[in-house]
Amino acid sequence: MTLQDAQAAERLGLDQLDSMFFQARRDRATPAERDYLIAMAADRGQPSSSATVAERLDRHPSSLGPARANLIAKGLVYSPERGVIAFTVPGSSQFIDRRLEADGPA
């Protein structure tokens, strides 16, 4: 097995995860919820401050409460502590980055 084989296998695995697993999760989110997830992805997989997410979206934190609550109810994110939000699945922020790179924010 060569380095090129391993890199090809990694690309194939990521492509399959993206098209089946991550895409199905993304499809459950509304456009406003997707914007919230994109703002979270800037933290590179680390938990995000709700205030920082609101700042990135140029919104007041309380106005994002419904989107945050819906994302929690859908199982896409969770709150490990007060004022903090995190992805439930490792690799979610990298998927969002790959999507943005390929498709843009829409």
PDB file of N, CA and C in Angstrom:
ATOM      1  N   MET A   1       0.854  -1.165   0.000  1.00  0.00           N
ATOM      2  CA  MET A   1       0.000   0.000   0.000  1.00  0.00           C
ATOM      3  C   MET A   1       0.903   1.233   0.000  1.00  0.00           C
ATOM      4  N   THR A   2       0.612   2.168  -0.867  1.00  0.00           N
ATOM      5  CA  THR A   2       1.428   3.370  -0.985  1.00  0.00           C
ATOM      6  C   THR A   2       0.726   4.556  -0.324  1.00  0.00           C
ATOM      7  N   LEU A   3       1.446   5.647  -0.206  1.00  0.00           N
ATOM      8  CA  LEU A   3       0.877   6.888   0.321  1.00  0.00           C
ATOM      9  C   LEU A   3      -0.279   7.344  -0.565  1.00  0.00           C
ATOM     10  N   GLN A   4      -0.111   7.217  -1.864  1.00  0.00           N
ATOM     11  CA  GLN A   4      -1.174   7.608  -2.797  1.00  0.00           C
ATOM     12  C   GLN A   4      -2.428   6.750  -2.591  1.00  0.00           C
ATOM     13  N   ASP A   5      -2.252   5.469  -2.317  1.00  0.00           N
ATOM     14  CA  ASP A   5      -3.386   4.585  -2.031  1.00  0.00           C
ATOM     15  C   ASP A   5      -4.129   5.063  -0.781  1.00  0.00           C
ATOM     16  N   ALA A   6      -3.363   5.388   0.243  1.00  0.00           N
ATOM     17  CA  ALA A   6      -3.981   5.853   1.494  1.00  0.00           C
ATOM     18  C   ALA A   6      -4.714   7.168   1.289  1.00  0.00           C
ATOM     19  N   GLN A   7      -4.120   8.078   0.533  1.00  0.00           N
ATOM     20  CA  GLN A   7      -4.767   9.368   0.266  1.00  0.00           C
ATOM     21  C   GLN A   7      -6.038   9.178  -0.558  1.00  0.00           C
ATOM     22  N   ALA A   8      -6.001   8.275  -1.530  1.00  0.00           N
ATOM     23  CA  ALA A   8      -7.188   7.998  -2.337  1.00  0.00           C
ATOM     24  C   ALA A   8      -8.287   7.380  -1.475  1.00  0.00           C
ATOM     25  N   ALA A   9      -7.912   6.489  -0.573  1.00  0.00           N
ATOM     26  CA  ALA A   9      -8.897   5.864   0.317  1.00  0.00           C
ATOM     27  C   ALA A   9      -9.512   6.902   1.254  1.00  0.00           C
ATOM     28  N   GLU A  10      -8.691   7.812   1.744  1.00  0.00           N
ATOM     29  CA  GLU A  10      -9.205   8.876   2.617  1.00  0.00           C
ATOM     30  C   GLU A  10     -10.201   9.751   1.866  1.00  0.00           C
ATOM     31  N   ARG A  11      -9.862  10.150   0.637  1.00  0.00           N
ATOM     32  CA  ARG A  11     -10.779  10.964  -0.175  1.00  0.00           C
ATOM     33  C   ARG A  11     -12.084  10.228  -0.424  1.00  0.00           C
ATOM     34  N   LEU A  12     -12.001   8.943  -0.751  1.00  0.00           N
ATOM     35  CA  LEU A  12     -13.198   8.137  -0.998  1.00  0.00           C
ATOM     36  C   LEU A  12     -14.061   8.059   0.258  1.00  0.00           C
ATOM     37  N   GLY A  13     -13.419   7.817   1.388  1.00  0.00           N
ATOM     38  CA  GLY A  13     -14.160   7.739   2.648  1.00  0.00           C
ATOM     39  C   GLY A  13     -14.847   9.048   2.987  1.00  0.00           C
ATOM     40  N   LEU A  14     -14.129  10.158   2.836  1.00  0.00           N
ATOM     41  CA  LEU A  14     -14.733  11.465   3.101  1.00  0.00           C
ATOM     42  C   LEU A  14     -15.866  11.761   2.135  1.00  0.00           C
ATOM     43  N   ASP A  15     -15.685  11.435   0.869  1.00  0.00           N
ATOM     44  CA  ASP A  15     -16.751  11.644  -0.117  1.00  0.00           C
ATOM     45  C   ASP A  15     -18.009  10.871   0.271  1.00  0.00           C
ATOM     46  N   GLN A  16     -17.830   9.636   0.727  1.00  0.00           N
ATOM     47  CA  GLN A  16     -18.985   8.833   1.129  1.00  0.00           C
ATOM     48  C   GLN A  16     -19.633   9.381   2.392  1.00  0.00           C
ATOM     49  N   LEU A  17     -18.841   9.762   3.374  1.00  0.00           N
ATOM     50  CA  LEU A  17     -19.403  10.380   4.583  1.00  0.00           C
ATOM     51  C   LEU A  17     -20.146  11.659   4.231  1.00  0.00           C
ATOM     52  N   ASP A  18     -19.539  12.489   3.389  1.00  0.00           N
ATOM     53  CA  ASP A  18     -20.168  13.753   3.015  1.00  0.00           C
ATOM     54  C   ASP A  18     -21.486  13.542   2.296  1.00  0.00           C
ATOM     55  N   SER A  19     -21.504  12.643   1.335  1.00  0.00           N
ATOM     56  CA  SER A  19     -22.705  12.484   0.510  1.00  0.00           C
ATOM     57  C   SER A  19     -23.822  11.723   1.214  1.00  0.00           C
ATOM     58  N   MET A  20     -23.490  10.885   2.159  1.00  0.00           N
ATOM     59  CA  MET A  20     -24.530  10.088   2.815  1.00  0.00           C
ATOM     60  C   MET A  20     -24.823  10.592   4.223  1.00  0.00           C
ATOM     61  N   PHE A  21     -23.835  10.577   5.075  1.00  0.00           N
ATOM     62  CA  PHE A  21     -24.061  10.874   6.487  1.00  0.00           C
ATOM     63  C   PHE A  21     -24.226  12.370   6.749  1.00  0.00           C
ATOM     64  N   PHE A  22     -23.193  13.153   6.425  1.00  0.00           N
ATOM     65  CA  PHE A  22     -23.234  14.572   6.749  1.00  0.00           C
ATOM     66  C   PHE A  22     -24.305  15.317   5.952  1.00  0.00           C
ATOM     67  N   GLN A  23     -24.465  14.990   4.683  1.00  0.00           N
ATOM     68  CA  GLN A  23     -25.461  15.682   3.862  1.00  0.00           C
ATOM     69  C   GLN A  23     -26.871  15.443   4.394  1.00  0.00           C
ATOM     70  N   ALA A  24     -27.148  14.245   4.831  1.00  0.00           N
ATOM     71  CA  ALA A  24     -28.479  13.951   5.388  1.00  0.00           C
ATOM     72  C   ALA A  24     -28.743  14.788   6.628  1.00  0.00           C
ATOM     73  N   ARG A  25     -27.723  14.990   7.440  1.00  0.00           N
ATOM     74  CA  ARG A  25     -27.872  15.836   8.631  1.00  0.00           C
ATOM     75  C   ARG A  25     -28.064  17.290   8.219  1.00  0.00           C
ATOM     76  N   ARG A  26     -27.291  17.768   7.255  1.00  0.00           N
ATOM     77  CA  ARG A  26     -27.400  19.150   6.792  1.00  0.00           C
ATOM     78  C   ARG A  26     -28.782  19.415   6.211  1.00  0.00           C
ATOM     79  N   ASP A  27     -29.315  18.457   5.490  1.00  0.00           N
ATOM     80  CA  ASP A  27     -30.613  18.627   4.842  1.00  0.00           C
ATOM     81  C   ASP A  27     -31.746  18.826   5.849  1.00  0.00           C
ATOM     82  N   ARG A  28     -31.548  18.421   7.094  1.00  0.00           N
ATOM     83  CA  ARG A  28     -32.565  18.588   8.126  1.00  0.00           C
ATOM     84  C   ARG A  28     -32.631  20.017   8.648  1.00  0.00           C
ATOM     85  N   ALA A  29     -31.621  20.819   8.364  1.00  0.00           N
ATOM     86  CA  ALA A  29     -31.546  22.193   8.862  1.00  0.00           C
ATOM     87  C   ALA A  29     -32.168  23.174   7.868  1.00  0.00           C
ATOM     88  N   THR A  30     -32.826  24.182   8.401  1.00  0.00           N
ATOM     89  CA  THR A  30     -33.364  25.259   7.570  1.00  0.00           C
ATOM     90  C   THR A  30     -32.206  26.157   7.118  1.00  0.00           C
ATOM     91  N   PRO A  31     -32.439  27.043   6.156  1.00  0.00           N
ATOM     92  CA  PRO A  31     -31.364  27.972   5.761  1.00  0.00           C
ATOM     93  C   PRO A  31     -30.816  28.790   6.940  1.00  0.00           C
ATOM     94  N   ALA A  32     -31.666  29.274   7.821  1.00  0.00           N
ATOM     95  CA  ALA A  32     -31.199  30.044   8.982  1.00  0.00           C
ATOM     96  C   ALA A  32     -30.366  29.164   9.920  1.00  0.00           C
ATOM     97  N   GLU A  33     -30.777  27.931  10.082  1.00  0.00           N
ATOM     98  CA  GLU A  33     -30.020  27.000  10.921  1.00  0.00           C
ATOM     99  C   GLU A  33     -28.678  26.664  10.283  1.00  0.00           C
ATOM    100  N   ARG A  34     -28.651  26.574   8.963  1.00  0.00           N
ATOM    101  CA  ARG A  34     -27.388  26.317   8.260  1.00  0.00           C
ATOM    102  C   ARG A  34     -26.424  27.480   8.463  1.00  0.00           C
ATOM    103  N   ASP A  35     -26.949  28.703   8.443  1.00  0.00           N
ATOM    104  CA  ASP A  35     -26.098  29.868   8.715  1.00  0.00           C
ATOM    105  C   ASP A  35     -25.486  29.759  10.111  1.00  0.00           C
ATOM    106  N   TYR A  36     -26.274  29.317  11.075  1.00  0.00           N
ATOM    107  CA  TYR A  36     -25.794  29.136  12.441  1.00  0.00           C
ATOM    108  C   TYR A  36     -24.668  28.102  12.455  1.00  0.00           C
ATOM    109  N   LEU A  37     -24.866  26.990  11.745  1.00  0.00           N
ATOM    110  CA  LEU A  37     -23.841  25.937  11.684  1.00  0.00           C
ATOM    111  C   LEU A  37     -22.565  26.444  11.022  1.00  0.00           C
ATOM    112  N   ILE A  38     -22.715  27.244   9.978  1.00  0.00           N
ATOM    113  CA  ILE A  38     -21.541  27.818   9.305  1.00  0.00           C
ATOM    114  C   ILE A  38     -20.776  28.721  10.270  1.00  0.00           C
ATOM    115  N   ALA A  39     -21.509  29.521  11.045  1.00  0.00           N
ATOM    116  CA  ALA A  39     -20.853  30.394  12.029  1.00  0.00           C
ATOM    117  C   ALA A  39     -20.123  29.569  13.081  1.00  0.00           C
ATOM    118  N   MET A  40     -20.686  28.448  13.465  1.00  0.00           N
ATOM    119  CA  MET A  40     -20.022  27.558  14.422  1.00  0.00           C
ATOM    120  C   MET A  40     -18.771  26.926  13.823  1.00  0.00           C
ATOM    121  N   ALA A  41     -18.815  26.593  12.546  1.00  0.00           N
ATOM    122  CA  ALA A  41     -17.698  25.896  11.899  1.00  0.00           C
ATOM    123  C   ALA A  41     -16.408  26.709  11.933  1.00  0.00           C
ATOM    124  N   ALA A  42     -16.516  28.014  12.092  1.00  0.00           N
ATOM    125  CA  ALA A  42     -15.324  28.861  12.167  1.00  0.00           C
ATOM    126  C   ALA A  42     -14.449  28.497  13.364  1.00  0.00           C
ATOM    127  N   ASP A  43     -15.005  27.802  14.342  1.00  0.00           N
ATOM    128  CA  ASP A  43     -14.247  27.392  15.518  1.00  0.00           C
ATOM    129  C   ASP A  43     -13.543  26.051  15.325  1.00  0.00           C
ATOM    130  N   ARG A  44     -13.550  25.540  14.113  1.00  0.00           N
ATOM    131  CA  ARG A  44     -12.773  24.354  13.734  1.00  0.00           C
ATOM    132  C   ARG A  44     -13.013  23.141  14.620  1.00  0.00           C
ATOM    133  N   GLY A  45     -14.289  22.870  14.906  1.00  0.00           N
ATOM    134  CA  GLY A  45     -14.636  21.670  15.658  1.00  0.00           C
ATOM    135  C   GLY A  45     -14.615  21.844  17.162  1.00  0.00           C
ATOM    136  N   GLN A  46     -14.177  22.996  17.633  1.00  0.00           N
ATOM    137  CA  GLN A  46     -14.189  23.278  19.062  1.00  0.00           C
ATOM    138  C   GLN A  46     -15.556  23.856  19.438  1.00  0.00           C
ATOM    139  N   PRO A  47     -15.985  23.728  20.675  1.00  0.00           N
ATOM    140  CA  PRO A  47     -17.246  24.345  21.086  1.00  0.00           C
ATOM    141  C   PRO A  47     -17.235  25.846  20.811  1.00  0.00           C
ATOM    142  N   SER A  48     -18.400  26.365  20.480  1.00  0.00           N
ATOM    143  CA  SER A  48     -18.556  27.774  20.136  1.00  0.00           C
ATOM    144  C   SER A  48     -19.311  28.504  21.233  1.00  0.00           C
ATOM    145  N   SER A  49     -18.918  29.711  21.476  1.00  0.00           N
ATOM    146  CA  SER A  49     -19.675  30.579  22.361  1.00  0.00           C
ATOM    147  C   SER A  49     -20.916  31.047  21.598  1.00  0.00           C
ATOM    148  N   SER A  50     -22.073  30.975  22.236  1.00  0.00           N
ATOM    149  CA  SER A  50     -23.307  31.449  21.594  1.00  0.00           C
ATOM    150  C   SER A  50     -23.190  32.927  21.232  1.00  0.00           C
ATOM    151  N   ALA A  51     -22.530  33.706  22.079  1.00  0.00           N
ATOM    152  CA  ALA A  51     -22.348  35.134  21.800  1.00  0.00           C
ATOM    153  C   ALA A  51     -21.468  35.349  20.569  1.00  0.00           C
ATOM    154  N   THR A  52     -20.442  34.521  20.416  1.00  0.00           N
ATOM    155  CA  THR A  52     -19.557  34.641  19.258  1.00  0.00           C
ATOM    156  C   THR A  52     -20.295  34.267  17.976  1.00  0.00           C
ATOM    157  N   VAL A  53     -21.119  33.226  18.036  1.00  0.00           N
ATOM    158  CA  VAL A  53     -21.914  32.836  16.869  1.00  0.00           C
ATOM    159  C   VAL A  53     -22.828  33.990  16.476  1.00  0.00           C
ATOM    160  N   ALA A  54     -23.478  34.603  17.454  1.00  0.00           N
ATOM    161  CA  ALA A  54     -24.367  35.736  17.179  1.00  0.00           C
ATOM    162  C   ALA A  54     -23.586  36.897  16.564  1.00  0.00           C
ATOM    163  N   GLU A  55     -22.408  37.158  17.086  1.00  0.00           N
ATOM    164  CA  GLU A  55     -21.580  38.236  16.553  1.00  0.00           C
ATOM    165  C   GLU A  55     -21.211  37.962  15.097  1.00  0.00           C
ATOM    166  N   ARG A  56     -20.849  36.729  14.798  1.00  0.00           N
ATOM    167  CA  ARG A  56     -20.486  36.379  13.415  1.00  0.00           C
ATOM    168  C   ARG A  56     -21.661  36.549  12.462  1.00  0.00           C
ATOM    169  N   LEU A  57     -22.864  36.360  12.982  1.00  0.00           N
ATOM    170  CA  LEU A  57     -24.071  36.493  12.156  1.00  0.00           C
ATOM    171  C   LEU A  57     -24.650  37.900  12.218  1.00  0.00           C
ATOM    172  N   ASP A  58     -23.984  38.778  12.968  1.00  0.00           N
ATOM    173  CA  ASP A  58     -24.447  40.148  13.156  1.00  0.00           C
ATOM    174  C   ASP A  58     -25.883  40.184  13.688  1.00  0.00           C
ATOM    175  N   ARG A  59     -26.114  39.363  14.698  1.00  0.00           N
ATOM    176  CA  ARG A  59     -27.439  39.245  15.311  1.00  0.00           C
ATOM    177  C   ARG A  59     -27.304  39.336  16.822  1.00  0.00           C
ATOM    178  N   HIS A  60     -28.395  39.639  17.487  1.00  0.00           N
ATOM    179  CA  HIS A  60     -28.434  39.614  18.944  1.00  0.00           C
ATOM    180  C   HIS A  60     -28.561  38.156  19.373  1.00  0.00           C
ATOM    181  N   PRO A  61     -27.826  37.721  20.400  1.00  0.00           N
ATOM    182  CA  PRO A  61     -27.886  36.309  20.806  1.00  0.00           C
ATOM    183  C   PRO A  61     -29.304  35.783  21.062  1.00  0.00           C
ATOM    184  N   SER A  62     -30.154  36.596  21.665  1.00  0.00           N
ATOM    185  CA  SER A  62     -31.513  36.114  21.960  1.00  0.00           C
ATOM    186  C   SER A  62     -32.325  35.857  20.696  1.00  0.00           C
ATOM    187  N   SER A  63     -31.997  36.546  19.600  1.00  0.00           N
ATOM    188  CA  SER A  63     -32.738  36.322  18.355  1.00  0.00           C
ATOM    189  C   SER A  63     -32.401  34.976  17.719  1.00  0.00           C
ATOM    190  N   LEU A  64     -31.288  34.368  18.153  1.00  0.00           N
ATOM    191  CA  LEU A  64     -30.878  33.079  17.599  1.00  0.00           C
ATOM    192  C   LEU A  64     -31.344  31.901  18.446  1.00  0.00           C
ATOM    193  N   GLY A  65     -32.029  32.195  19.539  1.00  0.00           N
ATOM    194  CA  GLY A  65     -32.509  31.139  20.420  1.00  0.00           C
ATOM    195  C   GLY A  65     -33.330  30.074  19.717  1.00  0.00           C
ATOM    196  N   PRO A  66     -34.306  30.463  18.875  1.00  0.00           N
ATOM    197  CA  PRO A  66     -35.099  29.437  18.187  1.00  0.00           C
ATOM    198  C   PRO A  66     -34.263  28.546  17.262  1.00  0.00           C
ATOM    199  N   ALA A  67     -33.344  29.128  16.509  1.00  0.00           N
ATOM    200  CA  ALA A  67     -32.497  28.319  15.614  1.00  0.00           C
ATOM    201  C   ALA A  67     -31.643  27.361  16.440  1.00  0.00           C
ATOM    202  N   ARG A  68     -31.075  27.876  17.523  1.00  0.00           N
ATOM    203  CA  ARG A  68     -30.248  27.051  18.407  1.00  0.00           C
ATOM    204  C   ARG A  68     -31.069  25.903  18.993  1.00  0.00           C
ATOM    205  N   ALA A  69     -32.250  26.219  19.485  1.00  0.00           N
ATOM    206  CA  ALA A  69     -33.124  25.192  20.082  1.00  0.00           C
ATOM    207  C   ALA A  69     -33.517  24.143  19.049  1.00  0.00           C
ATOM    208  N   ASN A  70     -33.812  24.571  17.835  1.00  0.00           N
ATOM    209  CA  ASN A  70     -34.180  23.621  16.780  1.00  0.00           C
ATOM    210  C   ASN A  70     -33.015  22.712  16.416  1.00  0.00           C
ATOM    211  N   LEU A  71     -31.813  23.271  16.349  1.00  0.00           N
ATOM    212  CA  LEU A  71     -30.631  22.456  16.036  1.00  0.00           C
ATOM    213  C   LEU A  71     -30.366  21.434  17.132  1.00  0.00           C
ATOM    214  N   ILE A  72     -30.602  21.832  18.377  1.00  0.00           N
ATOM    215  CA  ILE A  72     -30.460  20.888  19.485  1.00  0.00           C
ATOM    216  C   ILE A  72     -31.517  19.793  19.369  1.00  0.00           C
ATOM    217  N   ALA A  73     -32.763  20.185  19.103  1.00  0.00           N
ATOM    218  CA  ALA A  73     -33.853  19.210  18.980  1.00  0.00           C
ATOM    219  C   ALA A  73     -33.612  18.236  17.826  1.00  0.00           C
ATOM    220  N   LYS A  74     -32.971  18.701  16.767  1.00  0.00           N
ATOM    221  CA  LYS A  74     -32.675  17.847  15.616  1.00  0.00           C
ATOM    222  C   LYS A  74     -31.431  16.983  15.837  1.00  0.00           C
ATOM    223  N   GLY A  75     -30.753  17.191  16.947  1.00  0.00           N
ATOM    224  CA  GLY A  75     -29.572  16.395  17.261  1.00  0.00           C
ATOM    225  C   GLY A  75     -28.314  16.797  16.522  1.00  0.00           C
ATOM    226  N   LEU A  76     -28.295  17.994  15.941  1.00  0.00           N
ATOM    227  CA  LEU A  76     -27.122  18.434  15.193  1.00  0.00           C
ATOM    228  C   LEU A  76     -26.083  19.093  16.086  1.00  0.00           C
ATOM    229  N   VAL A  77     -26.542  19.697  17.174  1.00  0.00           N
ATOM    230  CA  VAL A  77     -25.653  20.345  18.125  1.00  0.00           C
ATOM    231  C   VAL A  77     -26.144  20.046  19.538  1.00  0.00           C
ATOM    232  N   TYR A  78     -25.306  20.347  20.517  1.00  0.00           N
ATOM    233  CA  TYR A  78     -25.700  20.223  21.912  1.00  0.00           C
ATOM    234  C   TYR A  78     -25.015  21.333  22.702  1.00  0.00           C
ATOM    235  N   SER A  79     -25.468  21.536  23.908  1.00  0.00           N
ATOM    236  CA  SER A  79     -24.890  22.563  24.763  1.00  0.00           C
ATOM    237  C   SER A  79     -24.143  21.895  25.911  1.00  0.00           C
ATOM    238  N   PRO A  80     -22.802  21.838  25.825  1.00  0.00           N
ATOM    239  CA  PRO A  80     -22.038  21.196  26.891  1.00  0.00           C
ATOM    240  C   PRO A  80     -22.022  22.012  28.185  1.00  0.00           C
ATOM    241  N   GLU A  81     -22.290  23.308  28.065  1.00  0.00           N
ATOM    242  CA  GLU A  81     -22.391  24.171  29.239  1.00  0.00           C
ATOM    243  C   GLU A  81     -23.123  25.450  28.834  1.00  0.00           C
ATOM    244  N   ARG A  82     -23.532  26.214  29.813  1.00  0.00           N
ATOM    245  CA  ARG A  82     -24.298  27.436  29.554  1.00  0.00           C
ATOM    246  C   ARG A  82     -23.508  28.383  28.634  1.00  0.00           C
ATOM    247  N   GLY A  83     -24.185  28.846  27.578  1.00  0.00           N
ATOM    248  CA  GLY A  83     -23.580  29.806  26.671  1.00  0.00           C
ATOM    249  C   GLY A  83     -22.626  29.206  25.658  1.00  0.00           C
ATOM    250  N   VAL A  84     -22.590  27.883  25.595  1.00  0.00           N
ATOM    251  CA  VAL A  84     -21.670  27.198  24.682  1.00  0.00           C
ATOM    252  C   VAL A  84     -22.465  26.192  23.857  1.00  0.00           C
ATOM    253  N   ILE A  85     -22.083  26.057  22.605  1.00  0.00           N
ATOM    254  CA  ILE A  85     -22.752  25.122  21.691  1.00  0.00           C
ATOM    255  C   ILE A  85     -21.674  24.337  20.940  1.00  0.00           C
ATOM    256  N   ALA A  86     -21.935  23.060  20.672  1.00  0.00           N
ATOM    257  CA  ALA A  86     -20.951  22.210  19.993  1.00  0.00           C
ATOM    258  C   ALA A  86     -21.666  21.246  19.046  1.00  0.00           C
ATOM    259  N   PHE A  87     -20.957  20.822  18.026  1.00  0.00           N
ATOM    260  CA  PHE A  87     -21.489  19.815  17.108  1.00  0.00           C
ATOM    261  C   PHE A  87     -21.587  18.476  17.830  1.00  0.00           C
ATOM    262  N   THR A  88     -22.628  17.710  17.521  1.00  0.00           N
ATOM    263  CA  THR A  88     -22.768  16.394  18.128  1.00  0.00           C
ATOM    264  C   THR A  88     -21.866  15.361  17.461  1.00  0.00           C
ATOM    265  N   VAL A  89     -21.461  15.604  16.228  1.00  0.00           N
ATOM    266  CA  VAL A  89     -20.659  14.641  15.479  1.00  0.00           C
ATOM    267  C   VAL A  89     -19.303  15.242  15.125  1.00  0.00           C
ATOM    268  N   PRO A  90     -18.212  14.592  15.528  1.00  0.00           N
ATOM    269  CA  PRO A  90     -16.895  15.069  15.117  1.00  0.00           C
ATOM    270  C   PRO A  90     -16.797  15.117  13.587  1.00  0.00           C
ATOM    271  N   GLY A  91     -16.120  16.110  13.097  1.00  0.00           N
ATOM    272  CA  GLY A  91     -15.942  16.251  11.649  1.00  0.00           C
ATOM    273  C   GLY A  91     -16.996  17.120  10.990  1.00  0.00           C
ATOM    274  N   SER A  92     -17.995  17.560  11.739  1.00  0.00           N
ATOM    275  CA  SER A  92     -19.061  18.383  11.144  1.00  0.00           C
ATOM    276  C   SER A  92     -18.527  19.704  10.616  1.00  0.00           C
ATOM    277  N   SER A  93     -17.641  20.354  11.355  1.00  0.00           N
ATOM    278  CA  SER A  93     -17.128  21.644  10.887  1.00  0.00           C
ATOM    279  C   SER A  93     -16.282  21.470   9.629  1.00  0.00           C
ATOM    280  N   GLN A  94     -15.544  20.368   9.544  1.00  0.00           N
ATOM    281  CA  GLN A  94     -14.751  20.116   8.342  1.00  0.00           C
ATOM    282  C   GLN A  94     -15.663  19.855   7.141  1.00  0.00           C
ATOM    283  N   PHE A  95     -16.779  19.150   7.361  1.00  0.00           N
ATOM    284  CA  PHE A  95     -17.748  18.943   6.286  1.00  0.00           C
ATOM    285  C   PHE A  95     -18.272  20.283   5.795  1.00  0.00           C
ATOM    286  N   ILE A  96     -18.628  21.161   6.718  1.00  0.00           N
ATOM    287  CA  ILE A  96     -19.143  22.478   6.333  1.00  0.00           C
ATOM    288  C   ILE A  96     -18.088  23.234   5.536  1.00  0.00           C
ATOM    289  N   ASP A  97     -16.849  23.175   5.973  1.00  0.00           N
ATOM    290  CA  ASP A  97     -15.772  23.831   5.228  1.00  0.00           C
ATOM    291  C   ASP A  97     -15.650  23.258   3.814  1.00  0.00           C
ATOM    292  N   ARG A  98     -15.730  21.945   3.690  1.00  0.00           N
ATOM    293  CA  ARG A  98     -15.640  21.328   2.363  1.00  0.00           C
ATOM    294  C   ARG A  98     -16.811  21.762   1.487  1.00  0.00           C
ATOM    295  N   ARG A  99     -18.005  21.817   2.065  1.00  0.00           N
ATOM    296  CA  ARG A  99     -19.187  22.259   1.311  1.00  0.00           C
ATOM    297  C   ARG A  99     -19.037  23.698   0.842  1.00  0.00           C
ATOM    298  N   LEU A 100     -18.585  24.574   1.741  1.00  0.00           N
ATOM    299  CA  LEU A 100     -18.408  25.984   1.381  1.00  0.00           C
ATOM    300  C   LEU A 100     -17.374  26.136   0.285  1.00  0.00           C
ATOM    301  N   GLU A 101     -16.313  25.351   0.387  1.00  0.00           N
ATOM    302  CA  GLU A 101     -15.256  25.410  -0.635  1.00  0.00           C
ATOM    303  C   GLU A 101     -15.796  24.954  -1.990  1.00  0.00           C
ATOM    304  N   ALA A 102     -16.605  23.922  -1.985  1.00  0.00           N
ATOM    305  CA  ALA A 102     -17.123  23.361  -3.238  1.00  0.00           C
ATOM    306  C   ALA A 102     -18.297  24.159  -3.805  1.00  0.00           C
ATOM    307  N   ASP A 103     -19.207  24.587  -2.918  1.00  0.00           N
ATOM    308  CA  ASP A 103     -20.478  25.146  -3.375  1.00  0.00           C
ATOM    309  C   ASP A 103     -20.706  26.609  -3.025  1.00  0.00           C
ATOM    310  N   GLY A 104     -19.978  27.148  -2.106  1.00  0.00           N
ATOM    311  CA  GLY A 104     -20.300  28.469  -1.574  1.00  0.00           C
ATOM    312  C   GLY A 104     -21.328  28.323  -0.477  1.00  0.00           C
ATOM    313  N   PRO A 105     -21.744  29.407   0.170  1.00  0.00           N
ATOM    314  CA  PRO A 105     -22.609  29.343   1.336  1.00  0.00           C
ATOM    315  C   PRO A 105     -24.031  28.893   1.082  1.00  0.00           C
ATOM    316  N   ALA A 106     -24.502  28.896  -0.120  1.00  0.00           N
ATOM    317  CA  ALA A 106     -25.913  28.558  -0.376  1.00  0.00           C
ATOM    318  C   ALA A 106     -26.245  27.126  -0.105  1.00  0.00           C
TER     319      ALA A 106
END
